Structures are given as structure tokens and as C-alpha cells.
Amino acid sequence: MRYTDLTGQTDCSIAQALGVVGDAWTLLLVRDVAGGVHQFDALQERLGISRKVLTVRLQALVEDGVLAKHLYHQRPPRYEYRLTEAGRGLLPVLAALQDWGSRYVLGDGSLSATSEADSAETRRVHGLVGSRVPEALLPAATAAGPAGALDPVAEGHRWTALYCYPGAFLPTAQAYPPGWGEIPGARGCTLESCTYRDRLAEFAARGVAVRGVSTGRPDQLAEFAAHEGIQFPLLSDAELQLAVGLRLPTFRAAGVDRLKRLTLVVDGERVVRGVLYPLPDPAGSVEDVLALIDSLAGASEAGQAAEPGSAAGPGSAG
């Protein structure tokens, strides 16, 4: 389905791409499918558009090869919509739109690896509490080398501490992007990762798996993990699956989209239970994560122990 008159623009790739995705609802549909919303009713509820409009948009995206339909219920027939390879190719576009909107539309135009506590970006990140982490397999590395592709949410653990950071660099001047130290919030990645390394036993004692996530290449993460002795997995979101799926805040430096520093505490059902953002103290944030997990665990245990009608009523657990 084409939304614009492309007469005279047949050789322009930008014009041809806009003919497929040049409608706001179309890009928002791709955004939500990337975020793990795959069924018609859920998409309609999330976007708040008419069923007729949604039907037309979904049909167009399937015809243009952006989405694929998968039958999940025979009678009556019901379909899920998943991104194709072409659809996943739009993830960097969505990340760029979000970064541009945060920086130039909602922000003052300055480059930053963090946000103000009262910003729209901060409110959006804290709004992740209660949402599910979309399924993904990301290349991983530890001090022992490449660790295959791993889920950001660790299987068999009560909690996963998923900390996002801008980059992992070896301690040489040439390893850092130009002007890195001048970007607010960018410094401290090595200190943060090494603090998690040094306190890993405290997380294990609480049944917590630690995962670090950046948009660094897998080979860069492997070198960094080996140099610093990082025993837990460092995941590469270089393809921006997690960043776009959760609408995590990013910034662009040295030609690379990078995650801003934040931490999510995720339960075994993939639900985000706690968020720490912004993080002005990378090393100190590790203690804050432990405290948050203790608080969540205590509230959960209190809720499980309470009987219906007792003093610990609905909503008392965190």
C-alpha cells in the first residue's frame, strides 16, 4: 500500500521507503510488534485506532514484506504478526526517530548519555514497570570468550538484574570514541561492570542473575570481558532488538547508537518489576540494585504470606 504520490521519485530510495512506511500508524505498529505485541486485539488496544484502520495497515505491511502472519488458532482463524528480516531492518530507523524526538523535540538539543529526573524520557523509562521484556537472543561474551546467543532474562532465576550501559572499552586512549569524556553520563562503564563483578556473589546469594547490555559488537565485549575478568554475560544489542523493543533511551556518539545507563530488575516471568534511571553514580548504582531487589523480594514474600481479608490487602506488595 502506497501512501504518497511517488511520481518522478522512482529512483529515490527515501521516497520509495516512505511509500511503504511513511504513515505514522505504520511505524507505531512496527514499534509495538518489535515490543512483543503480536495479536490483533492487543495491537488495537495498545494503539487505540479503529479495527478497520488497523486491518488495512496490517494487510499493507504483510503485502510489503515488513510483517509475516502466523496462524495460532484454527477456528476461528487467528493470526500473530511478526517482523520479517525487512521489518527488523526498520529497528535502527525507530531508534533514530526516538533519539531525535528525545533530543530535539522533547529536549534542548544537547548530546547526553543520561536524562534529567523530571524529563519525559525518564517518565517513559519508569513506565516500563509492569511490562514484559520481549523475547530475544543476543550474542553474549564472558571472560571465557563468546558465550553464544542468550536471552536477556536468565532462565531458572527469580530475578535478573539487567544493566544497560553506553559502551565497553579497553583502558587505552585510542579505545574511547572522540570526546567521550565530555558527554554527560557516558563515563563509568568499566567501573560499573567491575563493581558488579566484585559483588557478584551477593547477587547469586539472592537468586539474581546479572546481565550487562550494550550496543557494542560481540568481539569488543569479549575483549573487554577477558581483560576485566567479567564472569557474567555481557550481551550485544548491536541490532537494537532490545533497545527498540523496550524503547530504551539511546544517544548517538561516534556514529554508533548507544544505550543510556539504566538498570531493570526483571522477574522470572519476564516482567519488569523495578527501574533505576537516571544513574549519576555508576558504581553506587550496584548497591541501589541490591537494595531494590531486597525490597521487591520482601514485598513479594509479604504478599504471598497474606491471606485474603488480612491486613496485607491487595496492592501491599511491591
C-alpha atoms as a PDB file:
ATOM      1  CA  MET A   1       0.000   0.000   0.000  1.00  0.00           C
ATOM      2  CA  ARG A   2       1.440   3.343  -1.008  1.00  0.00           C
ATOM      3  CA  TYR A   3       0.646   6.466   0.993  1.00  0.00           C
ATOM      4  CA  THR A   4       2.208   9.099  -1.254  1.00  0.00           C
ATOM      5  CA  ASP A   5       2.306  10.018  -4.904  1.00  0.00           C
ATOM      6  CA  LEU A   6       5.784   8.941  -5.940  1.00  0.00           C
ATOM      7  CA  THR A   7       5.592  10.230  -9.498  1.00  0.00           C
ATOM      8  CA  GLY A   8       9.096  11.183 -10.567  1.00  0.00           C
ATOM      9  CA  GLN A   9      10.693   9.600  -7.472  1.00  0.00           C
ATOM     10  CA  THR A  10      11.159   6.058  -8.726  1.00  0.00           C
ATOM     11  CA  ASP A  11      14.938   6.084  -8.241  1.00  0.00           C
ATOM     12  CA  CYS A  12      14.911   7.719  -4.799  1.00  0.00           C
ATOM     13  CA  SER A  13      15.250   5.092  -2.058  1.00  0.00           C
ATOM     14  CA  ILE A  14      13.982   7.502   0.602  1.00  0.00           C
ATOM     15  CA  ALA A  15      10.821   8.239  -1.358  1.00  0.00           C
ATOM     16  CA  GLN A  16      10.252   4.554  -2.093  1.00  0.00           C
ATOM     17  CA  ALA A  17      10.733   3.624   1.575  1.00  0.00           C
ATOM     18  CA  LEU A  18       8.281   6.332   2.639  1.00  0.00           C
ATOM     19  CA  GLY A  19       5.798   4.822   0.242  1.00  0.00           C
ATOM     20  CA  VAL A  20       5.821   1.734   2.469  1.00  0.00           C
ATOM     21  CA  VAL A  21       6.271   3.178   5.975  1.00  0.00           C
ATOM     22  CA  GLY A  22       5.545   6.879   5.519  1.00  0.00           C
ATOM     23  CA  ASP A  23       2.444   6.751   7.704  1.00  0.00           C
ATOM     24  CA  ALA A  24       2.647   7.362  11.464  1.00  0.00           C
ATOM     25  CA  TRP A  25       0.397   4.435  12.383  1.00  0.00           C
ATOM     26  CA  THR A  26       2.531   2.113  10.275  1.00  0.00           C
ATOM     27  CA  LEU A  27       5.722   2.941  12.170  1.00  0.00           C
ATOM     28  CA  LEU A  28       3.907   2.709  15.503  1.00  0.00           C
ATOM     29  CA  LEU A  29       2.683  -0.743  14.505  1.00  0.00           C
ATOM     30  CA  VAL A  30       6.237  -1.837  13.755  1.00  0.00           C
ATOM     31  CA  ARG A  31       7.311  -0.360  17.100  1.00  0.00           C
ATOM     32  CA  ASP A  32       4.716  -2.348  19.042  1.00  0.00           C
ATOM     33  CA  VAL A  33       5.314  -5.621  17.192  1.00  0.00           C
ATOM     34  CA  ALA A  34       9.017  -5.192  17.974  1.00  0.00           C
ATOM     35  CA  GLY A  35       7.969  -4.732  21.601  1.00  0.00           C
ATOM     36  CA  GLY A  36       6.298  -8.140  21.737  1.00  0.00           C
ATOM     37  CA  VAL A  37       2.688  -7.241  20.882  1.00  0.00           C
ATOM     38  CA  HIS A  38       1.730  -9.698  18.151  1.00  0.00           C
ATOM     39  CA  GLN A  39      -2.035 -10.227  18.150  1.00  0.00           C
ATOM     40  CA  PHE A  40      -4.700  -8.059  16.532  1.00  0.00           C
ATOM     41  CA  ASP A  41      -6.752  -7.264  19.634  1.00  0.00           C
ATOM     42  CA  ALA A  42      -3.673  -6.411  21.683  1.00  0.00           C
ATOM     43  CA  LEU A  43      -2.362  -4.126  18.941  1.00  0.00           C
ATOM     44  CA  GLN A  44      -5.735  -2.414  18.627  1.00  0.00           C
ATOM     45  CA  GLU A  45      -5.906  -1.847  22.379  1.00  0.00           C
ATOM     46  CA  ARG A  46      -2.329  -0.563  22.541  1.00  0.00           C
ATOM     47  CA  LEU A  47      -2.702   1.900  19.657  1.00  0.00           C
ATOM     48  CA  GLY A  48      -6.318   2.914  20.185  1.00  0.00           C
ATOM     49  CA  ILE A  49      -7.145   3.005  16.473  1.00  0.00           C
ATOM     50  CA  SER A  50     -10.192   1.582  14.732  1.00  0.00           C
ATOM     51  CA  ARG A  51     -10.223  -2.064  13.762  1.00  0.00           C
ATOM     52  CA  LYS A  52     -10.754  -1.067  10.137  1.00  0.00           C
ATOM     53  CA  VAL A  53      -7.675   1.154  10.058  1.00  0.00           C
ATOM     54  CA  LEU A  54      -5.614  -1.498  11.833  1.00  0.00           C
ATOM     55  CA  THR A  55      -6.732  -4.180   9.372  1.00  0.00           C
ATOM     56  CA  VAL A  56      -5.688  -2.035   6.421  1.00  0.00           C
ATOM     57  CA  ARG A  57      -2.290  -1.199   7.953  1.00  0.00           C
ATOM     58  CA  LEU A  58      -1.514  -4.813   8.873  1.00  0.00           C
ATOM     59  CA  GLN A  59      -2.516  -6.066   5.443  1.00  0.00           C
ATOM     60  CA  ALA A  60      -0.271  -3.473   3.804  1.00  0.00           C
ATOM     61  CA  LEU A  61       2.714  -4.376   5.971  1.00  0.00           C
ATOM     62  CA  VAL A  62       2.254  -8.062   5.164  1.00  0.00           C
ATOM     63  CA  GLU A  63       1.983  -7.312   1.444  1.00  0.00           C
ATOM     64  CA  ASP A  64       5.136  -5.190   1.561  1.00  0.00           C
ATOM     65  CA  GLY A  65       7.072  -7.906   3.405  1.00  0.00           C
ATOM     66  CA  VAL A  66       7.533  -5.970   6.649  1.00  0.00           C
ATOM     67  CA  LEU A  67       5.370  -8.323   8.731  1.00  0.00           C
ATOM     68  CA  ALA A  68       4.577 -12.029   8.413  1.00  0.00           C
ATOM     69  CA  LYS A  69       1.300 -13.659   9.509  1.00  0.00           C
ATOM     70  CA  HIS A  70       1.437 -16.814  11.626  1.00  0.00           C
ATOM     71  CA  LEU A  71      -1.709 -18.815  12.373  1.00  0.00           C
ATOM     72  CA  TYR A  72      -2.004 -19.559  16.097  1.00  0.00           C
ATOM     73  CA  HIS A  73      -5.716 -20.526  16.342  1.00  0.00           C
ATOM     74  CA  GLN A  74      -7.576 -22.632  13.777  1.00  0.00           C
ATOM     75  CA  ARG A  75     -11.263 -21.949  14.456  1.00  0.00           C
ATOM     76  CA  PRO A  76     -11.938 -19.129  14.127  1.00  0.00           C
ATOM     77  CA  PRO A  77      -8.622 -18.338  12.409  1.00  0.00           C
ATOM     78  CA  ARG A  78      -6.424 -16.023  14.445  1.00  0.00           C
ATOM     79  CA  TYR A  79      -3.012 -14.731  13.448  1.00  0.00           C
ATOM     80  CA  GLU A  80       0.070 -13.317  15.077  1.00  0.00           C
ATOM     81  CA  TYR A  81       2.172 -10.714  13.297  1.00  0.00           C
ATOM     82  CA  ARG A  82       5.957 -10.937  13.444  1.00  0.00           C
ATOM     83  CA  LEU A  83       8.710  -8.805  11.979  1.00  0.00           C
ATOM     84  CA  THR A  84      10.401 -10.190   8.893  1.00  0.00           C
ATOM     85  CA  GLU A  85      14.026  -9.505   8.040  1.00  0.00           C
ATOM     86  CA  ALA A  86      12.815  -6.381   6.247  1.00  0.00           C
ATOM     87  CA  GLY A  87      10.835  -5.402   9.334  1.00  0.00           C
ATOM     88  CA  ARG A  88      13.852  -5.840  11.593  1.00  0.00           C
ATOM     89  CA  GLY A  89      15.714  -3.578   9.191  1.00  0.00           C
ATOM     90  CA  LEU A  90      13.484  -0.753  10.458  1.00  0.00           C
ATOM     91  CA  LEU A  91      14.723  -1.058  14.055  1.00  0.00           C
ATOM     92  CA  PRO A  92      17.577   1.446  13.553  1.00  0.00           C
ATOM     93  CA  VAL A  93      15.055   3.829  11.960  1.00  0.00           C
ATOM     94  CA  LEU A  94      12.829   3.650  15.038  1.00  0.00           C
ATOM     95  CA  ALA A  95      15.812   4.099  17.352  1.00  0.00           C
ATOM     96  CA  ALA A  96      16.902   7.162  15.377  1.00  0.00           C
ATOM     97  CA  LEU A  97      13.395   8.638  15.481  1.00  0.00           C
ATOM     98  CA  GLN A  98      13.199   8.127  19.230  1.00  0.00           C
ATOM     99  CA  ASP A  99      16.631   9.649  19.816  1.00  0.00           C
ATOM    100  CA  TRP A 100      15.813  12.618  17.574  1.00  0.00           C
ATOM    101  CA  GLY A 101      12.479  13.150  19.318  1.00  0.00           C
ATOM    102  CA  SER A 102      14.019  12.945  22.784  1.00  0.00           C
ATOM    103  CA  ARG A 103      16.900  15.246  21.907  1.00  0.00           C
ATOM    104  CA  TYR A 104      15.402  17.843  19.581  1.00  0.00           C
ATOM    105  CA  VAL A 105      11.622  17.755  20.157  1.00  0.00           C
ATOM    106  CA  LEU A 106      11.292  16.965  23.864  1.00  0.00           C
ATOM    107  CA  GLY A 107      14.819  18.070  24.831  1.00  0.00           C
ATOM    108  CA  ASP A 108      17.076  21.083  24.367  1.00  0.00           C
ATOM    109  CA  GLY A 109      19.190  19.549  21.595  1.00  0.00           C
ATOM    110  CA  SER A 110      22.231  18.742  23.722  1.00  0.00           C
ATOM    111  CA  LEU A 111      24.019  15.389  23.482  1.00  0.00           C
ATOM    112  CA  SER A 112      23.769  13.363  26.681  1.00  0.00           C
ATOM    113  CA  ALA A 113      24.064   9.783  27.899  1.00  0.00           C
ATOM    114  CA  THR A 114      21.581  10.422  30.696  1.00  0.00           C
ATOM    115  CA  SER A 115      18.390  12.388  31.423  1.00  0.00           C
ATOM    116  CA  GLU A 116      17.001  14.776  33.986  1.00  0.00           C
ATOM    117  CA  ALA A 117      14.953  13.140  36.729  1.00  0.00           C
ATOM    118  CA  ASP A 118      11.791  15.002  35.696  1.00  0.00           C
ATOM    119  CA  SER A 119      12.141  14.539  31.922  1.00  0.00           C
ATOM    120  CA  ALA A 120       9.676  12.846  29.576  1.00  0.00           C
ATOM    121  CA  GLU A 121      12.368  10.275  28.806  1.00  0.00           C
ATOM    122  CA  THR A 122      12.726   9.386  32.481  1.00  0.00           C
ATOM    123  CA  ARG A 123       8.966   9.044  32.853  1.00  0.00           C
ATOM    124  CA  ARG A 124       8.876   6.735  29.838  1.00  0.00           C
ATOM    125  CA  VAL A 125      11.622   4.523  31.265  1.00  0.00           C
ATOM    126  CA  HIS A 126       9.940   4.262  34.670  1.00  0.00           C
ATOM    127  CA  GLY A 127       6.728   3.410  32.836  1.00  0.00           C
ATOM    128  CA  LEU A 128       8.350   0.086  31.916  1.00  0.00           C
ATOM    129  CA  VAL A 129       7.417  -1.296  35.342  1.00  0.00           C
ATOM    130  CA  GLY A 130       4.796  -3.975  34.730  1.00  0.00           C
ATOM    131  CA  SER A 131       5.720  -4.527  31.081  1.00  0.00           C
ATOM    132  CA  ARG A 132       7.243  -7.705  29.684  1.00  0.00           C
ATOM    133  CA  VAL A 133      10.714  -7.986  28.228  1.00  0.00           C
ATOM    134  CA  PRO A 134      10.288  -9.177  24.621  1.00  0.00           C
ATOM    135  CA  GLU A 135      11.865 -12.490  23.730  1.00  0.00           C
ATOM    136  CA  ALA A 136      15.235 -12.117  22.057  1.00  0.00           C
ATOM    137  CA  LEU A 137      18.522 -13.948  21.688  1.00  0.00           C
ATOM    138  CA  LEU A 138      21.535 -11.643  21.839  1.00  0.00           C
ATOM    139  CA  PRO A 139      25.202 -12.530  21.234  1.00  0.00           C
ATOM    140  CA  ALA A 140      26.985 -12.818  24.570  1.00  0.00           C
ATOM    141  CA  ALA A 141      30.512 -12.957  25.941  1.00  0.00           C
ATOM    142  CA  THR A 142      32.215 -13.568  29.283  1.00  0.00           C
ATOM    143  CA  ALA A 143      35.826 -13.662  30.408  1.00  0.00           C
ATOM    144  CA  ALA A 144      35.984 -17.173  28.947  1.00  0.00           C
ATOM    145  CA  GLY A 145      35.105 -15.885  25.472  1.00  0.00           C
ATOM    146  CA  PRO A 146      31.987 -15.895  23.279  1.00  0.00           C
ATOM    147  CA  ALA A 147      29.004 -17.447  25.072  1.00  0.00           C
ATOM    148  CA  GLY A 148      26.610 -17.957  22.171  1.00  0.00           C
ATOM    149  CA  ALA A 149      23.243 -16.221  21.967  1.00  0.00           C
ATOM    150  CA  LEU A 150      21.463 -15.675  25.281  1.00  0.00           C
ATOM    151  CA  ASP A 151      18.091 -14.430  26.438  1.00  0.00           C
ATOM    152  CA  PRO A 152      18.351 -11.123  28.350  1.00  0.00           C
ATOM    153  CA  VAL A 153      16.195 -12.740  31.054  1.00  0.00           C
ATOM    154  CA  ALA A 154      18.076 -15.569  32.742  1.00  0.00           C
ATOM    155  CA  GLU A 155      16.195 -18.854  32.884  1.00  0.00           C
ATOM    156  CA  GLY A 156      15.794 -20.508  36.265  1.00  0.00           C
ATOM    157  CA  HIS A 157      16.429 -17.373  38.324  1.00  0.00           C
ATOM    158  CA  ARG A 158      13.982 -15.480  40.461  1.00  0.00           C
ATOM    159  CA  TRP A 159      15.364 -12.159  39.285  1.00  0.00           C
ATOM    160  CA  THR A 160      17.560 -10.776  36.542  1.00  0.00           C
ATOM    161  CA  ALA A 161      19.462  -7.537  37.043  1.00  0.00           C
ATOM    162  CA  LEU A 162      19.701  -6.177  33.503  1.00  0.00           C
ATOM    163  CA  TYR A 163      22.015  -3.198  33.455  1.00  0.00           C
ATOM    164  CA  CYS A 164      22.370  -1.164  30.274  1.00  0.00           C
ATOM    165  CA  TYR A 165      25.480   0.916  29.663  1.00  0.00           C
ATOM    166  CA  PRO A 166      26.869   3.038  26.804  1.00  0.00           C
ATOM    167  CA  GLY A 167      29.970   1.032  25.913  1.00  0.00           C
ATOM    168  CA  ALA A 168      32.760  -1.335  26.949  1.00  0.00           C
ATOM    169  CA  PHE A 169      36.241  -0.097  26.136  1.00  0.00           C
ATOM    170  CA  LEU A 170      39.739  -1.294  26.934  1.00  0.00           C
ATOM    171  CA  PRO A 171      41.732   1.177  29.068  1.00  0.00           C
ATOM    172  CA  THR A 172      43.629   2.894  26.270  1.00  0.00           C
ATOM    173  CA  ALA A 173      43.133   6.381  24.931  1.00  0.00           C
ATOM    174  CA  GLN A 174      42.538   5.017  21.434  1.00  0.00           C
ATOM    175  CA  ALA A 175      39.726   2.737  22.604  1.00  0.00           C
ATOM    176  CA  TYR A 176      37.345   5.545  23.536  1.00  0.00           C
ATOM    177  CA  PRO A 177      35.307   7.483  20.958  1.00  0.00           C
ATOM    178  CA  PRO A 178      36.444  11.092  20.428  1.00  0.00           C
ATOM    179  CA  GLY A 179      35.020  13.420  23.064  1.00  0.00           C
ATOM    180  CA  TRP A 180      33.654  10.553  25.156  1.00  0.00           C
ATOM    181  CA  GLY A 181      34.545  12.163  28.462  1.00  0.00           C
ATOM    182  CA  GLU A 182      32.654  15.327  27.521  1.00  0.00           C
ATOM    183  CA  ILE A 183      29.291  13.566  27.103  1.00  0.00           C
ATOM    184  CA  PRO A 184      27.282  13.811  30.355  1.00  0.00           C
ATOM    185  CA  GLY A 185      26.690  10.358  31.816  1.00  0.00           C
ATOM    186  CA  ALA A 186      28.955   8.469  29.413  1.00  0.00           C
ATOM    187  CA  ARG A 187      31.876   7.773  31.735  1.00  0.00           C
ATOM    188  CA  GLY A 188      31.855   4.963  34.286  1.00  0.00           C
ATOM    189  CA  CYS A 189      31.078   1.846  32.240  1.00  0.00           C
ATOM    190  CA  THR A 190      34.194  -0.058  33.312  1.00  0.00           C
ATOM    191  CA  LEU A 191      33.721   0.905  36.953  1.00  0.00           C
ATOM    192  CA  GLU A 192      30.086  -0.192  36.872  1.00  0.00           C
ATOM    193  CA  SER A 193      30.835  -3.570  35.274  1.00  0.00           C
ATOM    194  CA  CYS A 194      33.740  -4.239  37.623  1.00  0.00           C
ATOM    195  CA  THR A 195      31.592  -3.384  40.639  1.00  0.00           C
ATOM    196  CA  TYR A 196      29.044  -5.965  39.505  1.00  0.00           C
ATOM    197  CA  ARG A 197      31.957  -8.388  39.035  1.00  0.00           C
ATOM    198  CA  ASP A 198      33.239  -7.793  42.561  1.00  0.00           C
ATOM    199  CA  ARG A 199      29.795  -8.153  44.152  1.00  0.00           C
ATOM    200  CA  LEU A 200      28.515 -10.999  42.011  1.00  0.00           C
ATOM    201  CA  ALA A 201      28.343 -13.370  44.987  1.00  0.00           C
ATOM    202  CA  GLU A 202      25.863 -11.047  46.702  1.00  0.00           C
ATOM    203  CA  PHE A 203      23.567 -11.260  43.702  1.00  0.00           C
ATOM    204  CA  ALA A 204      23.938 -15.041  43.480  1.00  0.00           C
ATOM    205  CA  ALA A 205      23.019 -15.376  47.157  1.00  0.00           C
ATOM    206  CA  ARG A 206      19.734 -13.636  46.383  1.00  0.00           C
ATOM    207  CA  GLY A 207      18.992 -15.823  43.363  1.00  0.00           C
ATOM    208  CA  VAL A 208      19.736 -12.969  40.984  1.00  0.00           C
ATOM    209  CA  ALA A 209      21.388 -13.346  37.586  1.00  0.00           C
ATOM    210  CA  VAL A 210      23.333 -10.366  36.270  1.00  0.00           C
ATOM    211  CA  ARG A 211      23.332  -9.392  32.608  1.00  0.00           C
ATOM    212  CA  GLY A 212      25.081  -6.392  31.081  1.00  0.00           C
ATOM    213  CA  VAL A 213      23.734  -4.976  27.816  1.00  0.00           C
ATOM    214  CA  SER A 214      25.284  -2.524  25.380  1.00  0.00           C
ATOM    215  CA  THR A 215      25.267  -1.969  21.632  1.00  0.00           C
ATOM    216  CA  GLY A 216      28.928  -2.931  21.403  1.00  0.00           C
ATOM    217  CA  ARG A 217      29.986  -5.605  18.938  1.00  0.00           C
ATOM    218  CA  PRO A 218      30.349  -9.146  20.306  1.00  0.00           C
ATOM    219  CA  ASP A 219      34.119  -9.160  19.663  1.00  0.00           C
ATOM    220  CA  GLN A 220      34.511  -5.887  21.591  1.00  0.00           C
ATOM    221  CA  LEU A 221      32.570  -7.301  24.522  1.00  0.00           C
ATOM    222  CA  ALA A 222      34.659 -10.490  24.512  1.00  0.00           C
ATOM    223  CA  GLU A 223      37.890  -8.468  24.654  1.00  0.00           C
ATOM    224  CA  PHE A 224      36.554  -6.272  27.437  1.00  0.00           C
ATOM    225  CA  ALA A 225      35.229  -9.217  29.474  1.00  0.00           C
ATOM    226  CA  ALA A 226      38.537 -11.063  29.173  1.00  0.00           C
ATOM    227  CA  HIS A 227      40.572  -8.003  30.147  1.00  0.00           C
ATOM    228  CA  GLU A 228      38.413  -7.182  33.185  1.00  0.00           C
ATOM    229  CA  GLY A 229      37.619 -10.751  34.252  1.00  0.00           C
ATOM    230  CA  ILE A 230      33.853 -10.388  33.836  1.00  0.00           C
ATOM    231  CA  GLN A 231      32.298 -13.773  34.635  1.00  0.00           C
ATOM    232  CA  PHE A 232      28.653 -12.913  33.927  1.00  0.00           C
ATOM    233  CA  PRO A 233      27.347 -12.453  30.363  1.00  0.00           C
ATOM    234  CA  LEU A 234      27.727  -9.180  28.504  1.00  0.00           C
ATOM    235  CA  LEU A 235      25.102  -9.054  25.760  1.00  0.00           C
ATOM    236  CA  SER A 236      25.397  -7.261  22.431  1.00  0.00           C
ATOM    237  CA  ASP A 237      22.296  -5.393  21.303  1.00  0.00           C
ATOM    238  CA  ALA A 238      24.066  -4.081  18.221  1.00  0.00           C
ATOM    239  CA  GLU A 239      20.952  -4.823  16.137  1.00  0.00           C
ATOM    240  CA  LEU A 240      18.839  -2.769  18.597  1.00  0.00           C
ATOM    241  CA  GLN A 241      16.295  -5.540  19.255  1.00  0.00           C
ATOM    242  CA  LEU A 242      16.068  -4.865  22.973  1.00  0.00           C
ATOM    243  CA  ALA A 243      16.548  -1.109  22.659  1.00  0.00           C
ATOM    244  CA  VAL A 244      13.586  -0.725  20.320  1.00  0.00           C
ATOM    245  CA  GLY A 245      11.517  -3.496  21.897  1.00  0.00           C
ATOM    246  CA  LEU A 246      11.559  -1.732  25.277  1.00  0.00           C
ATOM    247  CA  ARG A 247      12.013   1.784  23.874  1.00  0.00           C
ATOM    248  CA  LEU A 248      15.163   2.174  25.940  1.00  0.00           C
ATOM    249  CA  PRO A 249      16.775   5.621  25.747  1.00  0.00           C
ATOM    250  CA  THR A 250      19.735   5.916  23.393  1.00  0.00           C
ATOM    251  CA  PHE A 251      22.180   8.525  22.178  1.00  0.00           C
ATOM    252  CA  ARG A 252      24.442   8.582  19.142  1.00  0.00           C
ATOM    253  CA  ALA A 253      28.192   9.059  19.517  1.00  0.00           C
ATOM    254  CA  ALA A 254      30.989   8.344  17.018  1.00  0.00           C
ATOM    255  CA  GLY A 255      28.440   7.059  14.517  1.00  0.00           C
ATOM    256  CA  VAL A 256      27.003   4.403  16.852  1.00  0.00           C
ATOM    257  CA  ASP A 257      23.642   4.235  18.632  1.00  0.00           C
ATOM    258  CA  ARG A 258      24.391   3.645  22.318  1.00  0.00           C
ATOM    259  CA  LEU A 259      22.218   2.793  25.303  1.00  0.00           C
ATOM    260  CA  LYS A 260      21.932   5.302  28.097  1.00  0.00           C
ATOM    261  CA  ARG A 261      22.834   3.961  31.529  1.00  0.00           C
ATOM    262  CA  LEU A 262      19.918   2.332  33.347  1.00  0.00           C
ATOM    263  CA  THR A 263      19.048  -0.861  35.208  1.00  0.00           C
ATOM    264  CA  LEU A 264      15.951  -3.048  35.026  1.00  0.00           C
ATOM    265  CA  VAL A 265      15.039  -5.663  37.622  1.00  0.00           C
ATOM    266  CA  VAL A 266      13.074  -8.407  35.859  1.00  0.00           C
ATOM    267  CA  ASP A 267      11.295 -11.362  37.455  1.00  0.00           C
ATOM    268  CA  GLY A 268      11.222 -14.952  36.225  1.00  0.00           C
ATOM    269  CA  GLU A 269       8.062 -14.263  34.199  1.00  0.00           C
ATOM    270  CA  ARG A 270       9.891 -11.573  32.160  1.00  0.00           C
ATOM    271  CA  VAL A 271       8.012  -8.750  33.884  1.00  0.00           C
ATOM    272  CA  VAL A 272       9.914  -5.575  34.739  1.00  0.00           C
ATOM    273  CA  ARG A 273       9.470  -5.047  38.482  1.00  0.00           C
ATOM    274  CA  GLY A 274      11.878  -2.194  39.095  1.00  0.00           C
ATOM    275  CA  VAL A 275      13.729   0.547  37.221  1.00  0.00           C
ATOM    276  CA  LEU A 276      16.733   2.643  38.193  1.00  0.00           C
ATOM    277  CA  TYR A 277      17.158   5.704  35.954  1.00  0.00           C
ATOM    278  CA  PRO A 278      18.917   8.064  35.719  1.00  0.00           C
ATOM    279  CA  LEU A 279      22.084   6.706  37.336  1.00  0.00           C
ATOM    280  CA  PRO A 280      24.509   9.517  38.194  1.00  0.00           C
ATOM    281  CA  ASP A 281      26.769   7.147  40.181  1.00  0.00           C
ATOM    282  CA  PRO A 282      27.602   4.040  38.081  1.00  0.00           C
ATOM    283  CA  ALA A 283      29.395   2.163  40.863  1.00  0.00           C
ATOM    284  CA  GLY A 284      26.958   3.217  43.578  1.00  0.00           C
ATOM    285  CA  SER A 285      24.043   2.036  41.469  1.00  0.00           C
ATOM    286  CA  VAL A 286      25.049  -1.578  42.139  1.00  0.00           C
ATOM    287  CA  GLU A 287      24.245  -1.116  45.826  1.00  0.00           C
ATOM    288  CA  ASP A 288      20.968   0.530  44.804  1.00  0.00           C
ATOM    289  CA  VAL A 289      20.077  -2.513  42.697  1.00  0.00           C
ATOM    290  CA  LEU A 290      20.698  -4.856  45.629  1.00  0.00           C
ATOM    291  CA  ALA A 291      18.527  -2.684  47.855  1.00  0.00           C
ATOM    292  CA  LEU A 292      15.760  -2.612  45.242  1.00  0.00           C
ATOM    293  CA  ILE A 293      15.835  -6.396  44.879  1.00  0.00           C
ATOM    294  CA  ASP A 294      15.662  -6.832  48.661  1.00  0.00           C
ATOM    295  CA  SER A 295      12.660  -4.514  48.743  1.00  0.00           C
ATOM    296  CA  LEU A 296      10.894  -6.324  45.909  1.00  0.00           C
ATOM    297  CA  ALA A 297      11.621  -9.742  47.405  1.00  0.00           C
ATOM    298  CA  GLY A 298      10.332  -8.652  50.804  1.00  0.00           C
ATOM    299  CA  ALA A 299       7.139  -7.238  49.348  1.00  0.00           C
ATOM    300  CA  SER A 300       6.596 -10.396  47.295  1.00  0.00           C
ATOM    301  CA  GLU A 301       7.018 -12.643  50.323  1.00  0.00           C
ATOM    302  CA  ALA A 302       4.655 -10.481  52.361  1.00  0.00           C
ATOM    303  CA  GLY A 303       2.043 -10.691  49.632  1.00  0.00           C
ATOM    304  CA  GLN A 304       2.333 -14.473  49.395  1.00  0.00           C
ATOM    305  CA  ALA A 305       2.018 -14.871  53.163  1.00  0.00           C
ATOM    306  CA  ALA A 306      -1.068 -12.673  53.471  1.00  0.00           C
ATOM    307  CA  GLU A 307      -4.440 -14.424  53.492  1.00  0.00           C
ATOM    308  CA  PRO A 308      -7.485 -12.854  51.765  1.00  0.00           C
ATOM    309  CA  GLY A 309      -9.033 -10.294  54.083  1.00  0.00           C
ATOM    310  CA  SER A 310      -5.908  -9.934  56.221  1.00  0.00           C
ATOM    311  CA  ALA A 311      -4.138  -6.655  56.972  1.00  0.00           C
ATOM    312  CA  ALA A 312      -1.848  -7.067  53.994  1.00  0.00           C
ATOM    313  CA  GLY A 313      -4.539  -6.450  51.406  1.00  0.00           C
ATOM    314  CA  PRO A 314      -4.340  -6.078  47.632  1.00  0.00           C
ATOM    315  CA  GLY A 315      -1.646  -3.731  46.459  1.00  0.00           C
ATOM    316  CA  SER A 316       0.518  -4.022  49.570  1.00  0.00           C
ATOM    317  CA  ALA A 317       3.193  -5.987  47.747  1.00  0.00           C
ATOM    318  CA  GLY A 318       5.679  -4.178  45.552  1.00  0.00           C
END
